[in-house]
Amino acid sequence: MRTMGESVGRVTRVLLPGAIVLSLLVGCNDQRNQPECGDVFKSRIDENDFEVFDGGMALHRPTGLIVTQCAVGQRMSNFRCRGASLKLSWDEAMAYASEVAEKTGEPWRLPESNEIPDILETDCINPAANPFVFPGLEVANFWTASKGLHQDKFRCSIYTYQGRVFCRQARDIPQPFLLVKDS
């Protein structure tokens, strides 16, 4: 005959591993069933939280950030981003933004890791951006200005496929980036 403690121990050994696996699965965000943003936004009228300006910039109304519609190195022409994006290390990208700010007299900078997810979309993927605000945004890791909590050799980037921030990106890897400024 089993004691109460043995029964509880047996139940714990049987149920605990299953509960852990279930909690891990429930916590995962499976994005395979999310629609592509090109299928969600059907026209330029669907700019939602953005006011698009001439010259390749857009105002994100909720945050008050003005953001470049194309990656640095590209230019806006006929509602499309043309050319190749400039891919720089984190230090070079930060220096580039500082130089742009100095030469234009406007406070251009890289977005912080907590700002860029607000600009991207959460209900669609590939890339997680309104295609009429960010036409042809490449699916890649884009630099943010954030340093993260890890060693000095890592910085934060955002993966535009689904809009997730990753703060263990080696800072010397060349990657594209956007610029923002407060309105």
N, C-alpha and C. Protein backbone atom coordinates (compact mmCIF):
# COMPACT_ATOMS: atom_id res chain seq x y z
N MET A 1 0.84 -1.17 0.00
CA MET A 1 0.00 0.00 0.00
C MET A 1 0.90 1.24 0.00
N ARG A 2 0.54 2.23 -0.84
CA ARG A 2 1.33 3.46 -0.96
C ARG A 2 0.90 4.48 0.07
N THR A 3 1.89 5.24 0.47
CA THR A 3 1.56 6.34 1.38
C THR A 3 1.14 7.55 0.54
N MET A 4 0.57 8.52 1.20
CA MET A 4 0.13 9.74 0.52
C MET A 4 1.31 10.44 -0.14
N GLY A 5 2.45 10.50 0.51
CA GLY A 5 3.64 11.14 -0.03
C GLY A 5 4.14 10.45 -1.29
N GLU A 6 4.08 9.08 -1.32
CA GLU A 6 4.51 8.36 -2.51
C GLU A 6 3.58 8.63 -3.67
N SER A 7 2.27 8.72 -3.42
CA SER A 7 1.30 8.99 -4.48
C SER A 7 1.49 10.39 -5.05
N VAL A 8 1.72 11.35 -4.19
CA VAL A 8 1.94 12.72 -4.65
C VAL A 8 3.23 12.79 -5.47
N GLY A 9 4.26 12.11 -5.00
CA GLY A 9 5.53 12.09 -5.72
C GLY A 9 5.38 11.46 -7.09
N ARG A 10 4.63 10.38 -7.19
CA ARG A 10 4.41 9.71 -8.48
C ARG A 10 3.62 10.61 -9.42
N VAL A 11 2.57 11.24 -8.93
CA VAL A 11 1.76 12.15 -9.75
C VAL A 11 2.61 13.31 -10.23
N THR A 12 3.46 13.84 -9.35
CA THR A 12 4.33 14.96 -9.72
C THR A 12 5.30 14.55 -10.82
N ARG A 13 5.90 13.35 -10.69
CA ARG A 13 6.84 12.87 -11.71
C ARG A 13 6.16 12.66 -13.05
N VAL A 14 4.90 12.28 -13.06
CA VAL A 14 4.18 12.01 -14.31
C VAL A 14 3.65 13.31 -14.91
N LEU A 15 3.04 14.16 -14.11
CA LEU A 15 2.38 15.36 -14.63
C LEU A 15 3.30 16.55 -14.85
N LEU A 16 4.31 16.71 -14.04
CA LEU A 16 5.17 17.89 -14.13
C LEU A 16 5.86 18.02 -15.50
N PRO A 17 6.48 16.97 -16.02
CA PRO A 17 7.10 17.12 -17.35
C PRO A 17 6.09 17.51 -18.43
N GLY A 18 4.91 16.93 -18.39
CA GLY A 18 3.86 17.28 -19.36
C GLY A 18 3.42 18.72 -19.21
N ALA A 19 3.31 19.20 -17.98
CA ALA A 19 2.91 20.59 -17.74
C ALA A 19 3.97 21.56 -18.25
N ILE A 20 5.23 21.20 -18.09
CA ILE A 20 6.32 22.06 -18.57
C ILE A 20 6.28 22.14 -20.10
N VAL A 21 6.14 21.00 -20.77
CA VAL A 21 6.08 21.00 -22.23
C VAL A 21 4.87 21.80 -22.71
N LEU A 22 3.72 21.62 -22.08
CA LEU A 22 2.51 22.35 -22.46
C LEU A 22 2.70 23.85 -22.28
N SER A 23 3.31 24.27 -21.18
CA SER A 23 3.52 25.70 -20.95
C SER A 23 4.48 26.29 -21.97
N LEU A 24 5.48 25.52 -22.38
CA LEU A 24 6.41 26.00 -23.41
C LEU A 24 5.71 26.14 -24.75
N LEU A 25 4.87 25.18 -25.09
CA LEU A 25 4.15 25.25 -26.36
C LEU A 25 3.13 26.39 -26.38
N VAL A 26 2.45 26.60 -25.30
CA VAL A 26 1.46 27.67 -25.22
C VAL A 26 2.15 29.02 -25.30
N GLY A 27 3.35 29.13 -24.78
CA GLY A 27 4.08 30.40 -24.79
C GLY A 27 4.67 30.75 -26.14
N CYS A 28 4.75 29.79 -27.05
CA CYS A 28 5.33 30.07 -28.37
C CYS A 28 4.30 30.77 -29.23
N ASN A 29 4.79 31.71 -30.03
CA ASN A 29 3.92 32.42 -30.95
C ASN A 29 4.20 31.88 -32.34
N ASP A 30 3.37 30.96 -32.79
CA ASP A 30 3.54 30.35 -34.10
C ASP A 30 3.02 31.31 -35.15
N GLN A 31 3.94 31.86 -35.94
CA GLN A 31 3.56 32.85 -36.93
C GLN A 31 3.39 32.26 -38.32
N ARG A 32 3.44 30.96 -38.42
CA ARG A 32 3.28 30.35 -39.74
C ARG A 32 1.89 30.60 -40.30
N ASN A 33 0.92 30.84 -39.45
CA ASN A 33 -0.45 31.05 -39.91
C ASN A 33 -0.81 32.52 -40.05
N GLN A 34 0.13 33.41 -39.79
CA GLN A 34 -0.15 34.82 -39.95
C GLN A 34 -0.08 35.19 -41.43
N PRO A 35 -0.95 36.09 -41.88
CA PRO A 35 -0.90 36.51 -43.29
C PRO A 35 0.30 37.40 -43.56
N GLU A 36 0.69 37.47 -44.80
CA GLU A 36 1.73 38.40 -45.20
C GLU A 36 1.13 39.80 -45.25
N CYS A 37 1.93 40.79 -44.88
CA CYS A 37 1.42 42.16 -44.81
C CYS A 37 0.94 42.66 -46.17
N GLY A 38 1.54 42.18 -47.26
CA GLY A 38 1.08 42.55 -48.59
C GLY A 38 -0.34 42.09 -48.87
N ASP A 39 -0.80 41.05 -48.17
CA ASP A 39 -2.18 40.58 -48.33
C ASP A 39 -3.15 41.29 -47.38
N VAL A 40 -2.63 41.89 -46.32
CA VAL A 40 -3.47 42.57 -45.32
C VAL A 40 -3.80 43.99 -45.76
N PHE A 41 -2.80 44.71 -46.23
CA PHE A 41 -2.99 46.10 -46.65
C PHE A 41 -3.23 46.11 -48.16
N LYS A 42 -4.40 46.60 -48.58
CA LYS A 42 -4.80 46.52 -49.98
C LYS A 42 -4.57 47.80 -50.77
N SER A 43 -4.48 48.95 -50.09
CA SER A 43 -4.32 50.20 -50.83
C SER A 43 -3.57 51.22 -49.99
N ARG A 44 -3.19 52.31 -50.63
CA ARG A 44 -2.50 53.40 -49.94
C ARG A 44 -3.38 54.05 -48.87
N ILE A 45 -4.66 53.84 -48.97
CA ILE A 45 -5.58 54.40 -47.97
C ILE A 45 -5.38 53.70 -46.63
N ASP A 46 -4.85 52.46 -46.66
CA ASP A 46 -4.63 51.67 -45.45
C ASP A 46 -3.34 52.05 -44.73
N GLU A 47 -3.00 53.31 -44.67
CA GLU A 47 -1.76 53.70 -44.01
C GLU A 47 -1.91 53.72 -42.50
N ASN A 48 -3.13 53.54 -42.00
CA ASN A 48 -3.45 53.42 -40.58
C ASN A 48 -2.84 54.51 -39.71
N ASP A 49 -1.84 54.16 -38.92
CA ASP A 49 -1.27 55.08 -37.94
C ASP A 49 -0.23 56.02 -38.52
N PHE A 50 -0.10 56.06 -39.85
CA PHE A 50 0.96 56.84 -40.48
C PHE A 50 0.39 57.98 -41.32
N GLU A 51 1.16 59.05 -41.36
CA GLU A 51 0.94 60.11 -42.34
C GLU A 51 2.19 60.13 -43.19
N VAL A 52 2.03 59.82 -44.48
CA VAL A 52 3.18 59.72 -45.38
C VAL A 52 3.44 61.07 -46.01
N PHE A 53 4.69 61.51 -45.97
CA PHE A 53 5.11 62.79 -46.54
C PHE A 53 5.87 62.55 -47.84
N ASP A 54 5.98 63.59 -48.64
CA ASP A 54 6.86 63.53 -49.81
C ASP A 54 8.30 63.44 -49.30
N GLY A 55 9.15 62.87 -50.11
CA GLY A 55 10.56 62.81 -49.74
C GLY A 55 10.96 61.56 -48.99
N GLY A 56 10.07 60.57 -48.87
CA GLY A 56 10.46 59.30 -48.26
C GLY A 56 10.43 59.25 -46.75
N MET A 57 9.55 60.07 -46.14
CA MET A 57 9.42 60.04 -44.68
C MET A 57 7.95 59.84 -44.31
N ALA A 58 7.72 59.29 -43.13
CA ALA A 58 6.36 59.08 -42.65
C ALA A 58 6.31 59.37 -41.15
N LEU A 59 5.22 59.96 -40.72
CA LEU A 59 4.98 60.23 -39.31
C LEU A 59 4.16 59.09 -38.73
N HIS A 60 4.67 58.47 -37.69
CA HIS A 60 3.90 57.47 -36.95
C HIS A 60 3.17 58.22 -35.86
N ARG A 61 1.88 58.45 -36.05
CA ARG A 61 1.10 59.32 -35.15
C ARG A 61 1.14 58.90 -33.69
N PRO A 62 0.96 57.61 -33.36
CA PRO A 62 0.94 57.23 -31.93
C PRO A 62 2.24 57.54 -31.18
N THR A 63 3.39 57.41 -31.83
CA THR A 63 4.66 57.64 -31.14
C THR A 63 5.23 59.03 -31.40
N GLY A 64 4.73 59.70 -32.45
CA GLY A 64 5.27 61.01 -32.82
C GLY A 64 6.62 60.91 -33.52
N LEU A 65 7.01 59.72 -33.93
CA LEU A 65 8.29 59.54 -34.62
C LEU A 65 8.12 59.74 -36.12
N ILE A 66 9.06 60.45 -36.71
CA ILE A 66 9.16 60.51 -38.16
C ILE A 66 10.22 59.50 -38.53
N VAL A 67 9.90 58.63 -39.48
CA VAL A 67 10.79 57.52 -39.85
C VAL A 67 11.05 57.55 -41.35
N THR A 68 12.25 57.17 -41.76
CA THR A 68 12.53 57.04 -43.18
C THR A 68 11.77 55.82 -43.70
N GLN A 69 11.16 55.96 -44.87
CA GLN A 69 10.38 54.85 -45.42
C GLN A 69 11.27 53.78 -46.04
N CYS A 70 12.45 54.15 -46.42
CA CYS A 70 13.40 53.22 -47.04
C CYS A 70 14.60 53.07 -46.10
N ALA A 71 15.28 51.95 -46.23
CA ALA A 71 16.52 51.75 -45.49
C ALA A 71 17.53 52.79 -45.96
N VAL A 72 18.42 53.19 -45.08
CA VAL A 72 19.47 54.15 -45.44
C VAL A 72 20.25 53.59 -46.64
N GLY A 73 20.50 54.44 -47.62
CA GLY A 73 21.17 54.04 -48.85
C GLY A 73 20.20 53.93 -50.01
N GLN A 74 18.92 53.71 -49.70
CA GLN A 74 17.91 53.65 -50.74
C GLN A 74 17.25 55.02 -50.88
N ARG A 75 16.52 55.22 -51.97
CA ARG A 75 15.78 56.46 -52.16
C ARG A 75 14.37 56.14 -52.63
N MET A 76 13.44 57.00 -52.28
CA MET A 76 12.04 56.82 -52.67
C MET A 76 11.85 57.39 -54.06
N SER A 77 11.27 56.60 -54.96
CA SER A 77 10.98 57.04 -56.31
C SER A 77 9.72 56.32 -56.79
N ASN A 78 8.70 57.11 -57.15
CA ASN A 78 7.43 56.54 -57.63
C ASN A 78 6.86 55.51 -56.65
N PHE A 79 6.83 55.86 -55.38
CA PHE A 79 6.25 55.04 -54.32
C PHE A 79 7.01 53.73 -54.07
N ARG A 80 8.26 53.65 -54.50
CA ARG A 80 9.08 52.45 -54.28
C ARG A 80 10.44 52.86 -53.74
N CYS A 81 11.03 51.99 -52.97
CA CYS A 81 12.41 52.20 -52.52
C CYS A 81 13.33 51.64 -53.59
N ARG A 82 14.23 52.47 -54.07
CA ARG A 82 15.13 52.08 -55.16
C ARG A 82 16.56 52.04 -54.64
N GLY A 83 17.37 51.19 -55.26
CA GLY A 83 18.77 51.10 -54.89
C GLY A 83 19.00 50.08 -53.79
N ALA A 84 20.24 49.95 -53.41
CA ALA A 84 20.63 48.98 -52.38
C ALA A 84 20.75 49.67 -51.03
N SER A 85 20.34 48.98 -50.01
CA SER A 85 20.48 49.53 -48.66
C SER A 85 21.95 49.53 -48.26
N LEU A 86 22.30 50.49 -47.44
CA LEU A 86 23.66 50.59 -46.90
C LEU A 86 23.75 49.67 -45.69
N LYS A 87 24.70 48.77 -45.70
CA LYS A 87 24.86 47.83 -44.58
C LYS A 87 26.15 48.17 -43.85
N LEU A 88 26.00 48.56 -42.59
CA LEU A 88 27.13 48.99 -41.78
C LEU A 88 27.13 48.26 -40.46
N SER A 89 28.27 48.24 -39.80
CA SER A 89 28.34 47.72 -38.43
C SER A 89 27.54 48.67 -37.54
N TRP A 90 27.27 48.26 -36.31
CA TRP A 90 26.50 49.11 -35.39
C TRP A 90 27.22 50.44 -35.15
N ASP A 91 28.51 50.40 -34.90
CA ASP A 91 29.27 51.63 -34.64
C ASP A 91 29.24 52.56 -35.85
N GLU A 92 29.39 51.99 -37.04
CA GLU A 92 29.35 52.80 -38.26
C GLU A 92 27.96 53.39 -38.49
N ALA A 93 26.92 52.61 -38.20
CA ALA A 93 25.55 53.10 -38.37
C ALA A 93 25.26 54.25 -37.39
N MET A 94 25.72 54.11 -36.17
CA MET A 94 25.54 55.18 -35.18
C MET A 94 26.29 56.45 -35.62
N ALA A 95 27.51 56.28 -36.13
CA ALA A 95 28.29 57.42 -36.61
C ALA A 95 27.61 58.06 -37.83
N TYR A 96 27.05 57.24 -38.72
CA TYR A 96 26.35 57.75 -39.89
C TYR A 96 25.17 58.61 -39.46
N ALA A 97 24.37 58.11 -38.52
CA ALA A 97 23.21 58.86 -38.03
C ALA A 97 23.64 60.18 -37.40
N SER A 98 24.73 60.16 -36.64
CA SER A 98 25.25 61.39 -36.02
C SER A 98 25.68 62.39 -37.08
N GLU A 99 26.31 61.89 -38.13
CA GLU A 99 26.76 62.78 -39.21
C GLU A 99 25.56 63.39 -39.95
N VAL A 100 24.53 62.59 -40.20
CA VAL A 100 23.32 63.11 -40.85
C VAL A 100 22.69 64.18 -39.97
N ALA A 101 22.61 63.92 -38.68
CA ALA A 101 22.03 64.90 -37.76
C ALA A 101 22.84 66.20 -37.76
N GLU A 102 24.15 66.07 -37.75
CA GLU A 102 25.03 67.24 -37.74
C GLU A 102 24.88 68.06 -39.02
N LYS A 103 24.86 67.38 -40.17
CA LYS A 103 24.83 68.07 -41.45
C LYS A 103 23.46 68.65 -41.79
N THR A 104 22.39 68.02 -41.31
CA THR A 104 21.04 68.53 -41.61
C THR A 104 20.53 69.47 -40.53
N GLY A 105 21.14 69.43 -39.35
CA GLY A 105 20.65 70.23 -38.25
C GLY A 105 19.36 69.67 -37.65
N GLU A 106 19.04 68.43 -37.99
CA GLU A 106 17.84 67.76 -37.46
C GLU A 106 18.28 66.53 -36.68
N PRO A 107 17.53 66.18 -35.63
CA PRO A 107 17.98 65.11 -34.71
C PRO A 107 17.74 63.68 -35.22
N TRP A 108 18.23 63.35 -36.41
CA TRP A 108 18.10 61.99 -36.93
C TRP A 108 18.95 61.03 -36.10
N ARG A 109 18.44 59.83 -35.92
CA ARG A 109 19.11 58.82 -35.10
C ARG A 109 18.58 57.44 -35.47
N LEU A 110 19.22 56.40 -34.96
CA LEU A 110 18.66 55.06 -35.09
C LEU A 110 17.55 54.91 -34.05
N PRO A 111 16.51 54.16 -34.37
CA PRO A 111 15.44 53.95 -33.39
C PRO A 111 15.91 53.08 -32.23
N GLU A 112 15.33 53.29 -31.07
CA GLU A 112 15.60 52.43 -29.91
C GLU A 112 14.86 51.10 -30.10
N SER A 113 15.30 50.07 -29.43
CA SER A 113 14.68 48.75 -29.59
C SER A 113 13.24 48.72 -29.11
N ASN A 114 12.85 49.64 -28.22
CA ASN A 114 11.46 49.66 -27.77
C ASN A 114 10.59 50.55 -28.66
N GLU A 115 11.17 51.29 -29.59
CA GLU A 115 10.39 52.15 -30.49
C GLU A 115 10.01 51.44 -31.79
N ILE A 116 10.94 50.71 -32.36
CA ILE A 116 10.72 50.13 -33.68
C ILE A 116 9.58 49.10 -33.73
N PRO A 117 9.36 48.27 -32.71
CA PRO A 117 8.20 47.36 -32.79
C PRO A 117 6.87 48.10 -32.86
N ASP A 118 6.80 49.31 -32.28
CA ASP A 118 5.56 50.10 -32.37
C ASP A 118 5.28 50.54 -33.79
N ILE A 119 6.33 50.73 -34.57
CA ILE A 119 6.20 51.19 -35.95
C ILE A 119 5.82 50.03 -36.87
N LEU A 120 6.27 48.83 -36.54
CA LEU A 120 5.98 47.66 -37.36
C LEU A 120 4.62 47.08 -37.01
N GLU A 121 4.18 46.12 -37.79
CA GLU A 121 2.86 45.50 -37.62
C GLU A 121 2.97 44.21 -36.81
N THR A 122 1.94 43.91 -36.03
CA THR A 122 1.94 42.68 -35.24
C THR A 122 1.02 41.62 -35.82
N ASP A 123 0.16 42.00 -36.76
CA ASP A 123 -0.82 41.06 -37.29
C ASP A 123 -0.44 40.44 -38.62
N CYS A 124 0.75 40.75 -39.11
CA CYS A 124 1.18 40.19 -40.39
C CYS A 124 2.70 40.11 -40.42
N ILE A 125 3.21 39.40 -41.43
CA ILE A 125 4.65 39.11 -41.51
C ILE A 125 5.17 39.32 -42.93
N ASN A 126 6.46 39.18 -43.09
CA ASN A 126 7.19 39.03 -44.34
C ASN A 126 7.14 40.24 -45.28
N PRO A 127 7.64 41.37 -44.92
CA PRO A 127 8.05 41.82 -43.60
C PRO A 127 6.86 42.31 -42.79
N ALA A 128 7.07 42.50 -41.51
CA ALA A 128 6.01 42.93 -40.59
C ALA A 128 5.84 44.44 -40.67
N ALA A 129 5.55 44.93 -41.87
CA ALA A 129 5.44 46.37 -42.10
C ALA A 129 4.38 46.64 -43.15
N ASN A 130 3.70 47.77 -43.01
CA ASN A 130 2.72 48.20 -44.00
C ASN A 130 3.48 48.47 -45.31
N PRO A 131 3.16 47.73 -46.39
CA PRO A 131 3.92 47.88 -47.63
C PRO A 131 3.71 49.21 -48.33
N PHE A 132 2.70 49.97 -47.95
CA PHE A 132 2.48 51.28 -48.55
C PHE A 132 3.22 52.37 -47.78
N VAL A 133 3.63 52.08 -46.57
CA VAL A 133 4.44 53.01 -45.79
C VAL A 133 5.91 52.66 -45.98
N PHE A 134 6.23 51.37 -45.96
CA PHE A 134 7.60 50.88 -46.12
C PHE A 134 7.67 49.97 -47.34
N PRO A 135 7.62 50.55 -48.54
CA PRO A 135 7.56 49.72 -49.75
C PRO A 135 8.88 48.98 -50.00
N GLY A 136 8.79 47.68 -50.14
CA GLY A 136 9.98 46.90 -50.45
C GLY A 136 10.97 46.77 -49.30
N LEU A 137 10.51 46.95 -48.07
CA LEU A 137 11.41 46.81 -46.92
C LEU A 137 11.97 45.39 -46.93
N GLU A 138 13.29 45.29 -46.93
CA GLU A 138 13.89 43.96 -47.00
C GLU A 138 13.71 43.20 -45.68
N VAL A 139 13.62 41.91 -45.80
CA VAL A 139 13.56 41.05 -44.63
C VAL A 139 15.00 40.82 -44.18
N ALA A 140 15.34 41.44 -43.06
CA ALA A 140 16.71 41.37 -42.55
C ALA A 140 16.70 41.85 -41.11
N ASN A 141 17.83 41.69 -40.46
CA ASN A 141 18.03 42.30 -39.15
C ASN A 141 18.43 43.75 -39.38
N PHE A 142 17.69 44.68 -38.77
CA PHE A 142 17.98 46.11 -38.87
C PHE A 142 18.49 46.58 -37.51
N TRP A 143 19.53 47.41 -37.53
CA TRP A 143 20.08 47.93 -36.29
C TRP A 143 19.10 48.84 -35.56
N THR A 144 19.17 48.79 -34.23
CA THR A 144 18.53 49.78 -33.38
C THR A 144 19.67 50.47 -32.61
N ALA A 145 19.36 51.53 -31.92
CA ALA A 145 20.39 52.25 -31.15
C ALA A 145 20.67 51.56 -29.81
N SER A 146 19.87 50.59 -29.44
CA SER A 146 19.95 49.99 -28.11
C SER A 146 21.13 49.04 -27.96
N LYS A 147 21.69 49.07 -26.75
CA LYS A 147 22.85 48.25 -26.44
C LYS A 147 22.49 46.91 -25.83
N GLY A 148 21.36 46.76 -25.22
CA GLY A 148 21.00 45.51 -24.58
C GLY A 148 21.70 45.36 -23.24
N LEU A 149 21.52 44.20 -22.63
CA LEU A 149 22.05 43.96 -21.29
C LEU A 149 23.26 43.04 -21.28
N HIS A 150 23.70 42.61 -22.46
CA HIS A 150 24.77 41.62 -22.53
C HIS A 150 26.13 42.30 -22.70
N GLN A 151 27.11 41.53 -23.02
CA GLN A 151 28.47 42.03 -23.19
C GLN A 151 28.51 43.17 -24.20
N ASP A 152 29.56 43.94 -24.14
CA ASP A 152 29.71 45.11 -25.00
C ASP A 152 29.82 44.76 -26.48
N LYS A 153 30.12 43.51 -26.80
CA LYS A 153 30.25 43.16 -28.21
C LYS A 153 28.90 42.91 -28.88
N PHE A 154 27.79 42.97 -28.14
CA PHE A 154 26.45 42.74 -28.69
C PHE A 154 25.62 44.01 -28.68
N ARG A 155 24.72 44.12 -29.66
CA ARG A 155 23.77 45.21 -29.74
C ARG A 155 22.41 44.64 -30.15
N CYS A 156 21.39 45.49 -30.11
CA CYS A 156 20.03 45.05 -30.44
C CYS A 156 19.71 45.34 -31.91
N SER A 157 19.05 44.39 -32.53
CA SER A 157 18.54 44.57 -33.88
C SER A 157 17.10 44.09 -33.89
N ILE A 158 16.40 44.41 -34.96
CA ILE A 158 15.03 43.92 -35.11
C ILE A 158 14.95 43.16 -36.42
N TYR A 159 14.37 41.99 -36.36
CA TYR A 159 14.21 41.16 -37.54
C TYR A 159 12.88 41.54 -38.18
N THR A 160 12.94 42.10 -39.37
CA THR A 160 11.73 42.66 -39.99
C THR A 160 10.74 41.61 -40.47
N TYR A 161 11.15 40.35 -40.57
CA TYR A 161 10.20 39.32 -41.01
C TYR A 161 8.98 39.30 -40.09
N GLN A 162 9.21 39.28 -38.77
CA GLN A 162 8.10 39.25 -37.83
C GLN A 162 8.15 40.38 -36.81
N GLY A 163 9.16 41.22 -36.88
CA GLY A 163 9.22 42.39 -36.00
C GLY A 163 9.72 42.10 -34.60
N ARG A 164 10.56 41.12 -34.44
CA ARG A 164 11.09 40.78 -33.12
C ARG A 164 12.46 41.38 -32.88
N VAL A 165 12.67 41.84 -31.66
CA VAL A 165 13.95 42.42 -31.26
C VAL A 165 14.86 41.31 -30.75
N PHE A 166 16.13 41.41 -31.11
CA PHE A 166 17.14 40.45 -30.69
C PHE A 166 18.34 41.25 -30.20
N CYS A 167 18.70 41.09 -28.95
CA CYS A 167 19.76 41.91 -28.35
C CYS A 167 21.08 41.18 -28.14
N ARG A 168 21.32 40.16 -28.92
CA ARG A 168 22.62 39.48 -28.87
C ARG A 168 23.21 39.42 -30.28
N GLN A 169 23.07 40.52 -31.00
CA GLN A 169 23.60 40.64 -32.35
C GLN A 169 25.01 41.20 -32.27
N ALA A 170 25.98 40.50 -32.84
CA ALA A 170 27.35 40.98 -32.82
C ALA A 170 27.42 42.34 -33.50
N ARG A 171 27.97 43.33 -32.82
CA ARG A 171 27.93 44.71 -33.28
C ARG A 171 28.77 44.98 -34.52
N ASP A 172 29.64 44.04 -34.90
CA ASP A 172 30.49 44.27 -36.07
C ASP A 172 29.93 43.69 -37.36
N ILE A 173 28.73 43.12 -37.32
CA ILE A 173 28.10 42.57 -38.52
C ILE A 173 27.43 43.70 -39.31
N PRO A 174 27.71 43.83 -40.60
CA PRO A 174 27.04 44.87 -41.40
C PRO A 174 25.56 44.55 -41.60
N GLN A 175 24.72 45.51 -41.26
CA GLN A 175 23.27 45.35 -41.38
C GLN A 175 22.64 46.67 -41.83
N PRO A 176 21.45 46.61 -42.44
CA PRO A 176 20.75 47.83 -42.82
C PRO A 176 20.15 48.51 -41.59
N PHE A 177 19.67 49.74 -41.78
CA PHE A 177 19.04 50.46 -40.67
C PHE A 177 18.15 51.57 -41.23
N LEU A 178 17.20 51.97 -40.41
CA LEU A 178 16.32 53.11 -40.69
C LEU A 178 16.75 54.25 -39.79
N LEU A 179 16.32 55.45 -40.11
CA LEU A 179 16.54 56.60 -39.25
C LEU A 179 15.20 57.13 -38.78
N VAL A 180 15.18 57.67 -37.57
CA VAL A 180 13.99 58.29 -37.00
C VAL A 180 14.36 59.61 -36.35
N LYS A 181 13.35 60.43 -36.15
CA LYS A 181 13.51 61.66 -35.34
C LYS A 181 12.16 61.96 -34.72
N ASP A 182 12.19 62.65 -33.60
CA ASP A 182 10.94 63.04 -32.95
C ASP A 182 10.33 64.19 -33.75
N SER A 183 9.00 64.17 -33.85
CA SER A 183 8.34 65.23 -34.63
C SER A 183 8.20 66.51 -33.84
